[in-house]
Every structure is written in structure tokens, then in C-alpha cells.
Amino acid sequence: MSRNSMLINYNDVLTIDEVCEVLRLGKNTVYGLIKDGTLPSMKLGKKYLITKDSLIKFLLSFS
């Protein structure tokens, strides 16, 4: 299984809920990663959005 195959069913930009699903973490934890800059995001209105590339880089930082 390739590194990116787990994200194949997701769009190029993910919502907080989708990131929580991928990482199997709660919203508070994901918001914490965003707040401290560990997981880059952009805010559009009241929503935070995370690019698939940012999420992949975050995951690869542990390997």
C-alpha cells in the first residue's frame, strides 16, 4: 500500500472532521495541532481547511 493510498478517497482540501477521521484524533487535538502550527491550515470564514499535501507532510514527519 502506498503512503498516499489512505487519502485517495478524500478531496485535495480536507475539513477538520475529515482530518479527525484520517488521524483518528478528536477535534480538540486537531485544533491544537493547527493552533501551534504543527498542521498547516487556512481559515475560510469560520472553517479551517487543510490541504492533502499538508496532511501528508505532517504524517511523513513521523517516519
PDB file of N, CA and C in Angstrom:
ATOM      1  N   MET A   1       0.853  -1.183   0.000  1.00  0.00           N
ATOM      2  CA  MET A   1       0.000   0.000   0.000  1.00  0.00           C
ATOM      3  C   MET A   1       0.894   1.240   0.000  1.00  0.00           C
ATOM      4  N   SER A   2       0.640   2.160  -0.907  1.00  0.00           N
ATOM      5  CA  SER A   2       1.454   3.370  -0.964  1.00  0.00           C
ATOM      6  C   SER A   2       1.064   4.315   0.166  1.00  0.00           C
ATOM      7  N   ARG A   3       1.959   5.221   0.457  1.00  0.00           N
ATOM      8  CA  ARG A   3       1.731   6.170   1.550  1.00  0.00           C
ATOM      9  C   ARG A   3       0.485   7.008   1.335  1.00  0.00           C
ATOM     10  N   ASN A   4       0.192   7.351   0.092  1.00  0.00           N
ATOM     11  CA  ASN A   4      -0.925   8.242  -0.202  1.00  0.00           C
ATOM     12  C   ASN A   4      -2.244   7.514  -0.417  1.00  0.00           C
ATOM     13  N   SER A   5      -2.213   6.191  -0.468  1.00  0.00           N
ATOM     14  CA  SER A   5      -3.430   5.461  -0.810  1.00  0.00           C
ATOM     15  C   SER A   5      -4.521   5.608   0.243  1.00  0.00           C
ATOM     16  N   MET A   6      -4.151   5.862   1.490  1.00  0.00           N
ATOM     17  CA  MET A   6      -5.182   6.020   2.511  1.00  0.00           C
ATOM     18  C   MET A   6      -5.969   7.312   2.338  1.00  0.00           C
ATOM     19  N   LEU A   7      -5.460   8.233   1.548  1.00  0.00           N
ATOM     20  CA  LEU A   7      -6.143   9.513   1.332  1.00  0.00           C
ATOM     21  C   LEU A   7      -6.774   9.605  -0.054  1.00  0.00           C
ATOM     22  N   ILE A   8      -6.764   8.524  -0.797  1.00  0.00           N
ATOM     23  CA  ILE A   8      -7.236   8.557  -2.183  1.00  0.00           C
ATOM     24  C   ILE A   8      -8.710   8.951  -2.293  1.00  0.00           C
ATOM     25  N   ASN A   9      -9.509   8.637  -1.292  1.00  0.00           N
ATOM     26  CA  ASN A   9     -10.939   8.940  -1.343  1.00  0.00           C
ATOM     27  C   ASN A   9     -11.293  10.336  -0.835  1.00  0.00           C
ATOM     28  N   TYR A  10     -10.277  11.116  -0.520  1.00  0.00           N
ATOM     29  CA  TYR A  10     -10.506  12.465   0.002  1.00  0.00           C
ATOM     30  C   TYR A  10     -10.169  13.508  -1.060  1.00  0.00           C
ATOM     31  N   ASN A  11     -10.840  14.651  -0.978  1.00  0.00           N
ATOM     32  CA  ASN A  11     -10.545  15.770  -1.872  1.00  0.00           C
ATOM     33  C   ASN A  11      -9.179  16.341  -1.549  1.00  0.00           C
ATOM     34  N   ASP A  12      -8.709  17.269  -2.364  1.00  0.00           N
ATOM     35  CA  ASP A  12      -7.403  17.893  -2.153  1.00  0.00           C
ATOM     36  C   ASP A  12      -7.385  18.811  -0.938  1.00  0.00           C
ATOM     37  N   VAL A  13      -8.570  19.230  -0.498  1.00  0.00           N
ATOM     38  CA  VAL A  13      -8.692  20.069   0.702  1.00  0.00           C
ATOM     39  C   VAL A  13      -9.649  19.359   1.652  1.00  0.00           C
ATOM     40  N   LEU A  14      -9.206  19.189   2.903  1.00  0.00           N
ATOM     41  CA  LEU A  14      -9.980  18.441   3.882  1.00  0.00           C
ATOM     42  C   LEU A  14     -10.521  19.348   4.974  1.00  0.00           C
ATOM     43  N   THR A  15     -11.652  18.957   5.517  1.00  0.00           N
ATOM     44  CA  THR A  15     -12.235  19.658   6.659  1.00  0.00           C
ATOM     45  C   THR A  15     -11.644  19.098   7.947  1.00  0.00           C
ATOM     46  N   ILE A  16     -11.930  19.763   9.049  1.00  0.00           N
ATOM     47  CA  ILE A  16     -11.482  19.282  10.360  1.00  0.00           C
ATOM     48  C   ILE A  16     -12.022  17.878  10.610  1.00  0.00           C
ATOM     49  N   ASP A  17     -13.285  17.652  10.312  1.00  0.00           N
ATOM     50  CA  ASP A  17     -13.882  16.328  10.537  1.00  0.00           C
ATOM     51  C   ASP A  17     -13.157  15.244   9.737  1.00  0.00           C
ATOM     52  N   GLU A  18     -12.796  15.556   8.508  1.00  0.00           N
ATOM     53  CA  GLU A  18     -12.082  14.576   7.688  1.00  0.00           C
ATOM     54  C   GLU A  18     -10.688  14.308   8.230  1.00  0.00           C
ATOM     55  N   VAL A  19     -10.014  15.345   8.677  1.00  0.00           N
ATOM     56  CA  VAL A  19      -8.684  15.173   9.261  1.00  0.00           C
ATOM     57  C   VAL A  19      -8.778  14.330  10.538  1.00  0.00           C
ATOM     58  N   CYS A  20      -9.792  14.583  11.342  1.00  0.00           N
ATOM     59  CA  CYS A  20     -10.010  13.774  12.543  1.00  0.00           C
ATOM     60  C   CYS A  20     -10.202  12.308  12.174  1.00  0.00           C
ATOM     61  N   GLU A  21     -10.944  12.064  11.127  1.00  0.00           N
ATOM     62  CA  GLU A  21     -11.198  10.700  10.665  1.00  0.00           C
ATOM     63  C   GLU A  21      -9.908  10.022  10.211  1.00  0.00           C
ATOM     64  N   VAL A  22      -9.101  10.732   9.431  1.00  0.00           N
ATOM     65  CA  VAL A  22      -7.846  10.176   8.918  1.00  0.00           C
ATOM     66  C   VAL A  22      -6.875   9.897  10.057  1.00  0.00           C
ATOM     67  N   LEU A  23      -6.723  10.868  10.952  1.00  0.00           N
ATOM     68  CA  LEU A  23      -5.743  10.738  12.025  1.00  0.00           C
ATOM     69  C   LEU A  23      -6.262   9.963  13.230  1.00  0.00           C
ATOM     70  N   ARG A  24      -7.578   9.740  13.250  1.00  0.00           N
ATOM     71  CA  ARG A  24      -8.225   9.083  14.396  1.00  0.00           C
ATOM     72  C   ARG A  24      -7.941   9.838  15.686  1.00  0.00           C
ATOM     73  N   LEU A  25      -8.126  11.150  15.585  1.00  0.00           N
ATOM     74  CA  LEU A  25      -7.945  12.049  16.720  1.00  0.00           C
ATOM     75  C   LEU A  25      -9.213  12.864  16.915  1.00  0.00           C
ATOM     76  N   GLY A  26      -9.370  13.422  18.092  1.00  0.00           N
ATOM     77  CA  GLY A  26     -10.505  14.275  18.366  1.00  0.00           C
ATOM     78  C   GLY A  26     -10.306  15.678  17.823  1.00  0.00           C
ATOM     79  N   LYS A  27     -11.391  16.418  17.763  1.00  0.00           N
ATOM     80  CA  LYS A  27     -11.335  17.780  17.229  1.00  0.00           C
ATOM     81  C   LYS A  27     -10.415  18.676  18.045  1.00  0.00           C
ATOM     82  N   ASN A  28     -10.467  18.571  19.368  1.00  0.00           N
ATOM     83  CA  ASN A  28      -9.615  19.419  20.198  1.00  0.00           C
ATOM     84  C   ASN A  28      -8.142  19.190  19.900  1.00  0.00           C
ATOM     85  N   THR A  29      -7.761  17.952  19.680  1.00  0.00           N
ATOM     86  CA  THR A  29      -6.371  17.642  19.363  1.00  0.00           C
ATOM     87  C   THR A  29      -5.980  18.223  18.012  1.00  0.00           C
ATOM     88  N   VAL A  30      -6.844  18.080  17.015  1.00  0.00           N
ATOM     89  CA  VAL A  30      -6.547  18.607  15.683  1.00  0.00           C
ATOM     90  C   VAL A  30      -6.482  20.137  15.720  1.00  0.00           C
ATOM     91  N   TYR A  31      -7.416  20.772  16.423  1.00  0.00           N
ATOM     92  CA  TYR A  31      -7.353  22.227  16.561  1.00  0.00           C
ATOM     93  C   TYR A  31      -6.060  22.647  17.261  1.00  0.00           C
ATOM     94  N   GLY A  32      -5.608  21.858  18.226  1.00  0.00           N
ATOM     95  CA  GLY A  32      -4.341  22.144  18.901  1.00  0.00           C
ATOM     96  C   GLY A  32      -3.168  22.067  17.950  1.00  0.00           C
ATOM     97  N   LEU A  33      -3.156  21.066  17.074  1.00  0.00           N
ATOM     98  CA  LEU A  33      -2.082  20.942  16.081  1.00  0.00           C
ATOM     99  C   LEU A  33      -2.079  22.128  15.125  1.00  0.00           C
ATOM    100  N   ILE A  34      -3.263  22.604  14.798  1.00  0.00           N
ATOM    101  CA  ILE A  34      -3.372  23.776  13.927  1.00  0.00           C
ATOM    102  C   ILE A  34      -2.893  25.024  14.661  1.00  0.00           C
ATOM    103  N   LYS A  35      -3.343  25.184  15.886  1.00  0.00           N
ATOM    104  CA  LYS A  35      -3.006  26.382  16.665  1.00  0.00           C
ATOM    105  C   LYS A  35      -1.506  26.524  16.881  1.00  0.00           C
ATOM    106  N   ASP A  36      -0.830  25.406  17.154  1.00  0.00           N
ATOM    107  CA  ASP A  36       0.616  25.509  17.400  1.00  0.00           C
ATOM    108  C   ASP A  36       1.453  25.439  16.121  1.00  0.00           C
ATOM    109  N   GLY A  37       0.786  25.362  14.971  1.00  0.00           N
ATOM    110  CA  GLY A  37       1.492  25.413  13.689  1.00  0.00           C
ATOM    111  C   GLY A  37       2.032  24.077  13.215  1.00  0.00           C
ATOM    112  N   THR A  38       1.768  23.016  13.943  1.00  0.00           N
ATOM    113  CA  THR A  38       2.247  21.700  13.551  1.00  0.00           C
ATOM    114  C   THR A  38       1.556  21.205  12.290  1.00  0.00           C
ATOM    115  N   LEU A  39       0.288  21.536  12.160  1.00  0.00           N
ATOM    116  CA  LEU A  39      -0.503  21.141  10.989  1.00  0.00           C
ATOM    117  C   LEU A  39      -0.976  22.418  10.288  1.00  0.00           C
ATOM    118  N   PRO A  40      -0.320  22.781   9.183  1.00  0.00           N
ATOM    119  CA  PRO A  40      -0.699  24.000   8.467  1.00  0.00           C
ATOM    120  C   PRO A  40      -2.139  23.934   7.969  1.00  0.00           C
ATOM    121  N   SER A  41      -2.812  25.072   8.043  1.00  0.00           N
ATOM    122  CA  SER A  41      -4.198  25.148   7.596  1.00  0.00           C
ATOM    123  C   SER A  41      -4.482  26.549   7.081  1.00  0.00           C
ATOM    124  N   MET A  42      -5.673  26.697   6.535  1.00  0.00           N
ATOM    125  CA  MET A  42      -6.148  28.029   6.154  1.00  0.00           C
ATOM    126  C   MET A  42      -7.551  28.173   6.719  1.00  0.00           C
ATOM    127  N   LYS A  43      -7.906  29.391   7.067  1.00  0.00           N
ATOM    128  CA  LYS A  43      -9.229  29.639   7.617  1.00  0.00           C
ATOM    129  C   LYS A  43     -10.057  30.359   6.565  1.00  0.00           C
ATOM    130  N   LEU A  44     -11.215  29.809   6.297  1.00  0.00           N
ATOM    131  CA  LEU A  44     -12.130  30.396   5.335  1.00  0.00           C
ATOM    132  C   LEU A  44     -13.445  30.622   6.063  1.00  0.00           C
ATOM    133  N   GLY A  45     -13.699  31.867   6.410  1.00  0.00           N
ATOM    134  CA  GLY A  45     -14.852  32.158   7.252  1.00  0.00           C
ATOM    135  C   GLY A  45     -14.616  31.572   8.626  1.00  0.00           C
ATOM    136  N   LYS A  46     -15.505  30.700   9.061  1.00  0.00           N
ATOM    137  CA  LYS A  46     -15.343  30.048  10.360  1.00  0.00           C
ATOM    138  C   LYS A  46     -14.723  28.662  10.249  1.00  0.00           C
ATOM    139  N   LYS A  47     -14.475  28.211   9.020  1.00  0.00           N
ATOM    140  CA  LYS A  47     -13.969  26.860   8.799  1.00  0.00           C
ATOM    141  C   LYS A  47     -12.460  26.849   8.609  1.00  0.00           C
ATOM    142  N   TYR A  48     -11.833  25.841   9.193  1.00  0.00           N
ATOM    143  CA  TYR A  48     -10.425  25.573   8.920  1.00  0.00           C
ATOM    144  C   TYR A  48     -10.364  24.504   7.847  1.00  0.00           C
ATOM    145  N   LEU A  49      -9.472  24.677   6.892  1.00  0.00           N
ATOM    146  CA  LEU A  49      -9.272  23.722   5.816  1.00  0.00           C
ATOM    147  C   LEU A  49      -7.803  23.326   5.776  1.00  0.00           C
ATOM    148  N   ILE A  50      -7.561  22.064   5.520  1.00  0.00           N
ATOM    149  CA  ILE A  50      -6.203  21.529   5.498  1.00  0.00           C
ATOM    150  C   ILE A  50      -5.994  20.869   4.142  1.00  0.00           C
ATOM    151  N   THR A  51      -4.915  21.226   3.458  1.00  0.00           N
ATOM    152  CA  THR A  51      -4.655  20.597   2.166  1.00  0.00           C
ATOM    153  C   THR A  51      -4.163  19.166   2.383  1.00  0.00           C
ATOM    154  N   LYS A  52      -4.442  18.334   1.415  1.00  0.00           N
ATOM    155  CA  LYS A  52      -3.988  16.945   1.477  1.00  0.00           C
ATOM    156  C   LYS A  52      -2.461  16.900   1.551  1.00  0.00           C
ATOM    157  N   ASP A  53      -1.801  17.779   0.805  1.00  0.00           N
ATOM    158  CA  ASP A  53      -0.336  17.822   0.832  1.00  0.00           C
ATOM    159  C   ASP A  53       0.184  18.136   2.234  1.00  0.00           C
ATOM    160  N   SER A  54      -0.456  19.084   2.929  1.00  0.00           N
ATOM    161  CA  SER A  54      -0.042  19.422   4.293  1.00  0.00           C
ATOM    162  C   SER A  54      -0.221  18.240   5.230  1.00  0.00           C
ATOM    163  N   LEU A  55      -1.310  17.531   5.063  1.00  0.00           N
ATOM    164  CA  LEU A  55      -1.574  16.376   5.913  1.00  0.00           C
ATOM    165  C   LEU A  55      -0.556  15.270   5.637  1.00  0.00           C
ATOM    166  N   ILE A  56      -0.221  15.043   4.379  1.00  0.00           N
ATOM    167  CA  ILE A  56       0.782  14.032   4.029  1.00  0.00           C
ATOM    168  C   ILE A  56       2.135  14.400   4.619  1.00  0.00           C
ATOM    169  N   LYS A  57       2.538  15.670   4.502  1.00  0.00           N
ATOM    170  CA  LYS A  57       3.813  16.112   5.080  1.00  0.00           C
ATOM    171  C   LYS A  57       3.817  15.919   6.587  1.00  0.00           C
ATOM    172  N   PHE A  58       2.690  16.216   7.219  1.00  0.00           N
ATOM    173  CA  PHE A  58       2.574  16.015   8.662  1.00  0.00           C
ATOM    174  C   PHE A  58       2.766  14.539   9.009  1.00  0.00           C
ATOM    175  N   LEU A  59       2.118  13.654   8.280  1.00  0.00           N
ATOM    176  CA  LEU A  59       2.230  12.225   8.545  1.00  0.00           C
ATOM    177  C   LEU A  59       3.655  11.707   8.273  1.00  0.00           C
ATOM    178  N   LEU A  60       4.282  12.210   7.236  1.00  0.00           N
ATOM    179  CA  LEU A  60       5.642  11.774   6.898  1.00  0.00           C
ATOM    180  C   LEU A  60       6.678  12.272   7.903  1.00  0.00           C
ATOM    181  N   SER A  61       6.352  13.300   8.653  1.00  0.00           N
ATOM    182  CA  SER A  61       7.300  13.830   9.649  1.00  0.00           C
ATOM    183  C   SER A  61       7.550  12.824  10.767  1.00  0.00           C
ATOM    184  N   PHE A  62       6.709  11.792  10.864  1.00  0.00           N
ATOM    185  CA  PHE A  62       6.872  10.776  11.893  1.00  0.00           C
ATOM    186  C   PHE A  62       7.643   9.553  11.403  1.00  0.00           C
ATOM    187  N   SER A  63       7.959   9.515  10.110  1.00  0.00           N
ATOM    188  CA  SER A  63       8.640   8.320   9.607  1.00  0.00           C
ATOM    189  C   SER A  63      10.140   8.507   9.548  1.00  0.00           C
TER     190      SER A  63
END
